[in-house]
C-alpha atoms as a PDB file:
ATOM      1  CA  MET A   1      16.910 -56.646 -12.147  1.00  0.00           C
ATOM      2  CA  SER A   2      14.051 -54.553 -10.986  1.00  0.00           C
ATOM      3  CA  GLU A   3      14.461 -52.546  -7.826  1.00  0.00           C
ATOM      4  CA  GLY A   4      11.720 -49.944  -8.209  1.00  0.00           C
ATOM      5  CA  THR A   5      12.146 -46.256  -7.612  1.00  0.00           C
ATOM      6  CA  GLY A   6      10.295 -45.450  -4.389  1.00  0.00           C
ATOM      7  CA  GLY A   7      11.735 -45.152  -0.886  1.00  0.00           C
ATOM      8  CA  GLY A   8      10.090 -48.409   0.156  1.00  0.00           C
ATOM      9  CA  SER A   9      11.845 -50.301  -2.624  1.00  0.00           C
ATOM     10  CA  THR A  10      15.229 -49.122  -1.334  1.00  0.00           C
ATOM     11  CA  SER A  11      14.421 -50.641   2.050  1.00  0.00           C
ATOM     12  CA  ALA A  12      13.188 -53.780   0.306  1.00  0.00           C
ATOM     13  CA  ALA A  13      16.451 -54.020  -1.632  1.00  0.00           C
ATOM     14  CA  ARG A  14      18.475 -53.602   1.568  1.00  0.00           C
ATOM     15  CA  ALA A  15      16.361 -56.257   3.275  1.00  0.00           C
ATOM     16  CA  ARG A  16      16.899 -58.636   0.344  1.00  0.00           C
ATOM     17  CA  LEU A  17      20.645 -58.025   0.462  1.00  0.00           C
ATOM     18  CA  LEU A  18      20.828 -58.619   4.195  1.00  0.00           C
ATOM     19  CA  GLY A  19      18.490 -61.612   4.071  1.00  0.00           C
ATOM     20  CA  THR A  20      20.464 -63.203   1.252  1.00  0.00           C
ATOM     21  CA  ALA A  21      23.808 -62.534   2.930  1.00  0.00           C
ATOM     22  CA  THR A  22      22.519 -63.888   6.241  1.00  0.00           C
ATOM     23  CA  ARG A  23      21.313 -67.117   4.666  1.00  0.00           C
ATOM     24  CA  ILE A  24      24.471 -67.735   2.671  1.00  0.00           C
ATOM     25  CA  PHE A  25      27.005 -66.565   5.286  1.00  0.00           C
ATOM     26  CA  TYR A  26      25.427 -68.816   7.908  1.00  0.00           C
ATOM     27  CA  ALA A  27      25.145 -71.845   5.632  1.00  0.00           C
ATOM     28  CA  GLU A  28      28.479 -71.613   3.822  1.00  0.00           C
ATOM     29  CA  GLY A  29      30.795 -69.269   5.711  1.00  0.00           C
ATOM     30  CA  ILE A  30      31.724 -65.653   5.221  1.00  0.00           C
ATOM     31  CA  HIS A  31      34.965 -65.911   3.255  1.00  0.00           C
ATOM     32  CA  ALA A  32      33.464 -68.536   0.930  1.00  0.00           C
ATOM     33  CA  VAL A  33      30.842 -66.095  -0.358  1.00  0.00           C
ATOM     34  CA  GLY A  34      31.614 -63.162  -2.642  1.00  0.00           C
ATOM     35  CA  VAL A  35      29.592 -60.006  -3.127  1.00  0.00           C
ATOM     36  CA  ASP A  36      28.832 -60.974  -6.746  1.00  0.00           C
ATOM     37  CA  ARG A  37      26.887 -64.010  -5.550  1.00  0.00           C
ATOM     38  CA  ILE A  38      24.993 -61.982  -2.937  1.00  0.00           C
ATOM     39  CA  ILE A  39      24.111 -59.353  -5.562  1.00  0.00           C
ATOM     40  CA  ALA A  40      22.902 -62.041  -7.989  1.00  0.00           C
ATOM     41  CA  GLU A  41      20.824 -63.943  -5.456  1.00  0.00           C
ATOM     42  CA  ALA A  42      19.355 -60.772  -3.930  1.00  0.00           C
ATOM     43  CA  GLN A  43      18.516 -59.566  -7.445  1.00  0.00           C
ATOM     44  CA  VAL A  44      19.972 -56.098  -6.977  1.00  0.00           C
ATOM     45  CA  THR A  45      22.641 -54.108  -8.751  1.00  0.00           C
ATOM     46  CA  ARG A  46      26.163 -53.577  -7.489  1.00  0.00           C
ATOM     47  CA  ALA A  47      25.298 -49.877  -7.042  1.00  0.00           C
ATOM     48  CA  THR A  48      22.424 -50.867  -4.735  1.00  0.00           C
ATOM     49  CA  LEU A  49      24.733 -52.975  -2.593  1.00  0.00           C
ATOM     50  CA  TYR A  50      27.166 -50.084  -2.205  1.00  0.00           C
ATOM     51  CA  ARG A  51      24.352 -47.617  -1.577  1.00  0.00           C
ATOM     52  CA  HIS A  52      23.407 -49.625   1.526  1.00  0.00           C
ATOM     53  CA  PHE A  53      26.743 -51.105   2.615  1.00  0.00           C
ATOM     54  CA  ALA A  54      30.228 -49.650   2.193  1.00  0.00           C
ATOM     55  CA  GLY A  55      31.490 -53.140   1.356  1.00  0.00           C
ATOM     56  CA  LYS A  56      31.401 -56.774   2.350  1.00  0.00           C
ATOM     57  CA  GLU A  57      32.732 -56.086   5.848  1.00  0.00           C
ATOM     58  CA  GLU A  58      29.838 -53.729   6.586  1.00  0.00           C
ATOM     59  CA  LEU A  59      27.420 -56.361   5.259  1.00  0.00           C
ATOM     60  CA  VAL A  60      28.992 -58.977   7.554  1.00  0.00           C
ATOM     61  CA  LEU A  61      28.635 -56.596  10.505  1.00  0.00           C
ATOM     62  CA  ALA A  62      24.966 -56.061   9.612  1.00  0.00           C
ATOM     63  CA  TYR A  63      24.501 -59.861   9.463  1.00  0.00           C
ATOM     64  CA  LEU A  64      26.044 -60.246  12.937  1.00  0.00           C
ATOM     65  CA  ASP A  65      23.984 -57.345  14.272  1.00  0.00           C
ATOM     66  CA  LEU A  66      20.832 -59.041  13.009  1.00  0.00           C
ATOM     67  CA  ALA A  67      21.894 -62.341  14.615  1.00  0.00           C
ATOM     68  CA  ASP A  68      22.650 -60.503  17.867  1.00  0.00           C
ATOM     69  CA  ARG A  69      19.234 -58.819  17.922  1.00  0.00           C
ATOM     70  CA  ASP A  70      17.482 -62.123  17.175  1.00  0.00           C
ATOM     71  CA  ILE A  71      19.341 -63.917  19.974  1.00  0.00           C
ATOM     72  CA  ARG A  72      18.684 -61.112  22.450  1.00  0.00           C
ATOM     73  CA  ALA A  73      14.977 -61.201  21.610  1.00  0.00           C
ATOM     74  CA  GLY A  74      14.945 -64.988  21.959  1.00  0.00           C
ATOM     75  CA  VAL A  75      16.644 -64.859  25.344  1.00  0.00           C
ATOM     76  CA  GLU A  76      14.253 -62.181  26.558  1.00  0.00           C
ATOM     77  CA  ALA A  77      11.238 -64.140  25.328  1.00  0.00           C
ATOM     78  CA  ALA A  78      12.522 -67.336  26.969  1.00  0.00           C
ATOM     79  CA  ARG A  79      13.154 -65.749  30.344  1.00  0.00           C
ATOM     80  CA  SER A  80      10.110 -63.493  30.530  1.00  0.00           C
ATOM     81  CA  GLY A  81       7.300 -64.769  32.652  1.00  0.00           C
ATOM     82  CA  GLU A  82       9.362 -67.477  34.342  1.00  0.00           C
ATOM     83  CA  PRO A  83       8.522 -67.810  38.046  1.00  0.00           C
ATOM     84  CA  SER A  84      12.135 -67.815  39.276  1.00  0.00           C
ATOM     85  CA  PRO A  85      15.664 -66.983  38.131  1.00  0.00           C
ATOM     86  CA  ALA A  86      16.518 -70.708  38.029  1.00  0.00           C
ATOM     87  CA  GLU A  87      13.544 -71.340  35.736  1.00  0.00           C
ATOM     88  CA  ALA A  88      14.629 -68.398  33.591  1.00  0.00           C
ATOM     89  CA  VAL A  89      18.095 -69.990  33.221  1.00  0.00           C
ATOM     90  CA  ARG A  90      16.460 -73.285  32.257  1.00  0.00           C
ATOM     91  CA  ALA A  91      14.193 -71.565  29.737  1.00  0.00           C
ATOM     92  CA  VAL A  92      17.097 -69.709  28.110  1.00  0.00           C
ATOM     93  CA  CYS A  93      19.061 -72.946  27.852  1.00  0.00           C
ATOM     94  CA  ARG A  94      16.082 -74.836  26.421  1.00  0.00           C
ATOM     95  CA  SER A  95      15.819 -72.128  23.763  1.00  0.00           C
ATOM     96  CA  ILE A  96      19.447 -72.862  22.882  1.00  0.00           C
ATOM     97  CA  THR A  97      18.730 -76.584  22.542  1.00  0.00           C
ATOM     98  CA  ASP A  98      15.652 -75.813  20.445  1.00  0.00           C
ATOM     99  CA  ALA A  99      17.911 -73.922  18.035  1.00  0.00           C
ATOM    100  CA  ILE A 100      20.473 -76.734  18.000  1.00  0.00           C
ATOM    101  CA  GLN A 101      17.766 -79.222  17.083  1.00  0.00           C
ATOM    102  CA  GLY A 102      16.409 -77.016  14.289  1.00  0.00           C
ATOM    103  CA  PRO A 103      16.673 -78.303  10.725  1.00  0.00           C
ATOM    104  CA  ALA A 104      18.907 -75.466   9.459  1.00  0.00           C
ATOM    105  CA  PHE A 105      21.313 -75.442  12.416  1.00  0.00           C
ATOM    106  CA  ARG A 106      24.938 -74.953  11.408  1.00  0.00           C
ATOM    107  CA  GLY A 107      26.598 -73.863  14.616  1.00  0.00           C
ATOM    108  CA  CYS A 108      26.849 -70.495  16.273  1.00  0.00           C
ATOM    109  CA  ALA A 109      27.008 -67.603  13.815  1.00  0.00           C
ATOM    110  CA  PHE A 110      29.409 -65.822  16.163  1.00  0.00           C
ATOM    111  CA  LEU A 111      31.779 -68.746  16.730  1.00  0.00           C
ATOM    112  CA  ASN A 112      31.749 -69.376  12.985  1.00  0.00           C
ATOM    113  CA  ALA A 113      32.560 -65.713  12.267  1.00  0.00           C
ATOM    114  CA  VAL A 114      35.379 -65.441  14.793  1.00  0.00           C
ATOM    115  CA  ALA A 115      36.997 -68.539  13.299  1.00  0.00           C
ATOM    116  CA  GLU A 116      37.211 -66.623  10.022  1.00  0.00           C
ATOM    117  CA  TYR A 117      38.338 -63.351  11.629  1.00  0.00           C
ATOM    118  CA  PRO A 118      40.898 -64.305  14.315  1.00  0.00           C
ATOM    119  CA  ASP A 119      42.511 -60.844  14.612  1.00  0.00           C
ATOM    120  CA  PRO A 120      41.222 -59.412  17.913  1.00  0.00           C
ATOM    121  CA  ALA A 121      41.437 -55.865  16.501  1.00  0.00           C
ATOM    122  CA  HIS A 122      39.236 -56.607  13.476  1.00  0.00           C
ATOM    123  CA  PRO A 123      35.742 -55.039  13.675  1.00  0.00           C
ATOM    124  CA  ILE A 124      34.061 -58.401  13.015  1.00  0.00           C
ATOM    125  CA  HIS A 125      36.036 -60.038  15.831  1.00  0.00           C
ATOM    126  CA  GLN A 126      35.073 -57.089  18.052  1.00  0.00           C
ATOM    127  CA  ALA A 127      31.377 -57.564  17.188  1.00  0.00           C
ATOM    128  CA  VAL A 128      31.654 -61.215  18.231  1.00  0.00           C
ATOM    129  CA  LEU A 129      33.292 -60.246  21.528  1.00  0.00           C
ATOM    130  CA  ALA A 130      30.573 -57.667  22.231  1.00  0.00           C
ATOM    131  CA  HIS A 131      27.839 -60.255  21.663  1.00  0.00           C
ATOM    132  CA  ARG A 132      29.592 -62.797  23.859  1.00  0.00           C
ATOM    133  CA  GLN A 133      30.069 -60.249  26.632  1.00  0.00           C
ATOM    134  CA  TRP A 134      26.355 -59.463  26.544  1.00  0.00           C
ATOM    135  CA  PHE A 135      25.485 -63.175  26.749  1.00  0.00           C
ATOM    136  CA  LEU A 136      27.986 -63.757  29.578  1.00  0.00           C
ATOM    137  CA  ASP A 137      26.641 -60.742  31.492  1.00  0.00           C
ATOM    138  CA  THR A 138      23.059 -61.923  30.955  1.00  0.00           C
ATOM    139  CA  VAL A 139      23.540 -65.481  32.206  1.00  0.00           C
ATOM    140  CA  THR A 140      25.822 -64.343  35.026  1.00  0.00           C
ATOM    141  CA  GLY A 141      23.152 -61.873  36.140  1.00  0.00           C
ATOM    142  CA  LEU A 142      20.513 -64.600  36.127  1.00  0.00           C
ATOM    143  CA  LEU A 143      22.759 -67.004  38.013  1.00  0.00           C
ATOM    144  CA  ALA A 144      23.587 -64.314  40.589  1.00  0.00           C
ATOM    145  CA  GLN A 145      19.903 -64.392  41.542  1.00  0.00           C
ATOM    146  CA  VAL A 146      20.163 -68.139  42.265  1.00  0.00           C
ATOM    147  CA  GLY A 147      21.957 -68.656  45.563  1.00  0.00           C
ATOM    148  CA  ASP A 148      24.337 -66.352  47.367  1.00  0.00           C
ATOM    149  CA  ALA A 149      27.728 -67.315  45.938  1.00  0.00           C
ATOM    150  CA  PRO A 150      29.433 -65.071  43.376  1.00  0.00           C
ATOM    151  CA  ALA A 151      28.196 -66.041  39.920  1.00  0.00           C
ATOM    152  CA  GLU A 152      31.066 -65.060  37.617  1.00  0.00           C
ATOM    153  CA  GLU A 153      32.661 -68.516  37.490  1.00  0.00           C
ATOM    154  CA  ASP A 154      29.303 -70.225  36.975  1.00  0.00           C
ATOM    155  CA  GLY A 155      28.444 -67.753  34.206  1.00  0.00           C
ATOM    156  CA  ARG A 156      31.695 -68.573  32.411  1.00  0.00           C
ATOM    157  CA  HIS A 157      30.985 -72.286  32.927  1.00  0.00           C
ATOM    158  CA  LEU A 158      27.525 -71.989  31.376  1.00  0.00           C
ATOM    159  CA  VAL A 159      28.898 -70.047  28.386  1.00  0.00           C
ATOM    160  CA  MET A 160      31.572 -72.713  27.908  1.00  0.00           C
ATOM    161  CA  LEU A 161      28.911 -75.456  27.995  1.00  0.00           C
ATOM    162  CA  ARG A 162      26.847 -73.497  25.472  1.00  0.00           C
ATOM    163  CA  ASP A 163      29.859 -73.035  23.193  1.00  0.00           C
ATOM    164  CA  GLY A 164      30.554 -76.762  23.279  1.00  0.00           C
ATOM    165  CA  ALA A 165      26.936 -77.597  22.529  1.00  0.00           C
ATOM    166  CA  MET A 166      26.800 -75.117  19.654  1.00  0.00           C
ATOM    167  CA  ALA A 167      30.055 -76.405  18.160  1.00  0.00           C
ATOM    168  CA  ALA A 168      29.140 -80.083  18.535  1.00  0.00           C
ATOM    169  CA  GLY A 169      25.572 -79.583  17.320  1.00  0.00           C
ATOM    170  CA  CYS A 170      26.708 -80.122  13.735  1.00  0.00           C
ATOM    171  CA  LEU A 171      28.635 -83.274  14.567  1.00  0.00           C
ATOM    172  CA  PHE A 172      26.287 -85.778  16.172  1.00  0.00           C
ATOM    173  CA  ASP A 173      22.838 -86.542  17.567  1.00  0.00           C
ATOM    174  CA  THR A 174      21.395 -83.152  18.541  1.00  0.00           C
ATOM    175  CA  LYS A 175      18.840 -84.657  20.921  1.00  0.00           C
ATOM    176  CA  LEU A 176      21.556 -86.408  22.924  1.00  0.00           C
ATOM    177  CA  LEU A 177      23.746 -83.327  22.792  1.00  0.00           C
ATOM    178  CA  SER A 178      20.865 -81.148  24.035  1.00  0.00           C
ATOM    179  CA  GLU A 179      20.159 -83.514  26.928  1.00  0.00           C
ATOM    180  CA  THR A 180      23.845 -83.456  27.888  1.00  0.00           C
ATOM    181  CA  PHE A 181      23.963 -79.644  27.769  1.00  0.00           C
ATOM    182  CA  LEU A 182      20.830 -79.311  29.917  1.00  0.00           C
ATOM    183  CA  ARG A 183      22.225 -81.835  32.402  1.00  0.00           C
ATOM    184  CA  GLY A 184      25.327 -79.643  32.712  1.00  0.00           C
ATOM    185  CA  VAL A 185      23.150 -76.587  33.302  1.00  0.00           C
ATOM    186  CA  GLU A 186      21.281 -78.474  36.041  1.00  0.00           C
ATOM    187  CA  GLY A 187      24.656 -79.224  37.672  1.00  0.00           C
ATOM    188  CA  ILE A 188      25.443 -75.513  37.769  1.00  0.00           C
ATOM    189  CA  LEU A 189      22.020 -74.711  39.220  1.00  0.00           C
ATOM    190  CA  ARG A 190      22.302 -77.467  41.861  1.00  0.00           C
ATOM    191  CA  ALA A 191      25.717 -76.166  42.899  1.00  0.00           C
ATOM    192  CA  ARG A 192      24.088 -72.757  43.372  1.00  0.00           C
ATOM    193  CA  GLY A 193      21.373 -74.282  45.558  1.00  0.00           C
ATOM    194  CA  ALA A 194      18.498 -74.313  43.063  1.00  0.00           C
END
């Protein structure tokens, strides 16, 4: 296993570790994958893994942080430039259905992780809750700009619809599922006067 000796190679090794862990954790689950497999597939030494991550838990947290940053960037890209808050909501939700219809879709990384870490005090569970709170706050803030009614209930409703779509996306026709999700979003927007 060649890792090089320069500072750039250390970053490359960390990126390979995180990229490998991300791919395998998402495809197969977190508990199903051991550090030996990640080390082998990333083509690094055990010492390199522990130089970058204190252990598997820290690697899982880095995986979730990467997923969080990707989703935040996707939401921002979807909503930017939309002519109205209602259109921004629609764009964000279409980006969700685009992901569901992607060839490598295997559910929500965060819902998958929390199923494996049910203890609310566990740091991985806490990372999931932090991501979900950000998403809830984001969609609630957008919905608050559509109509005059308080938006908290509608924000929770949209998150629940999204959770259902993400969970069912592995189970049946993703096109039909996406249409159903977007129809539910339209119901929320209509109720808010959009």
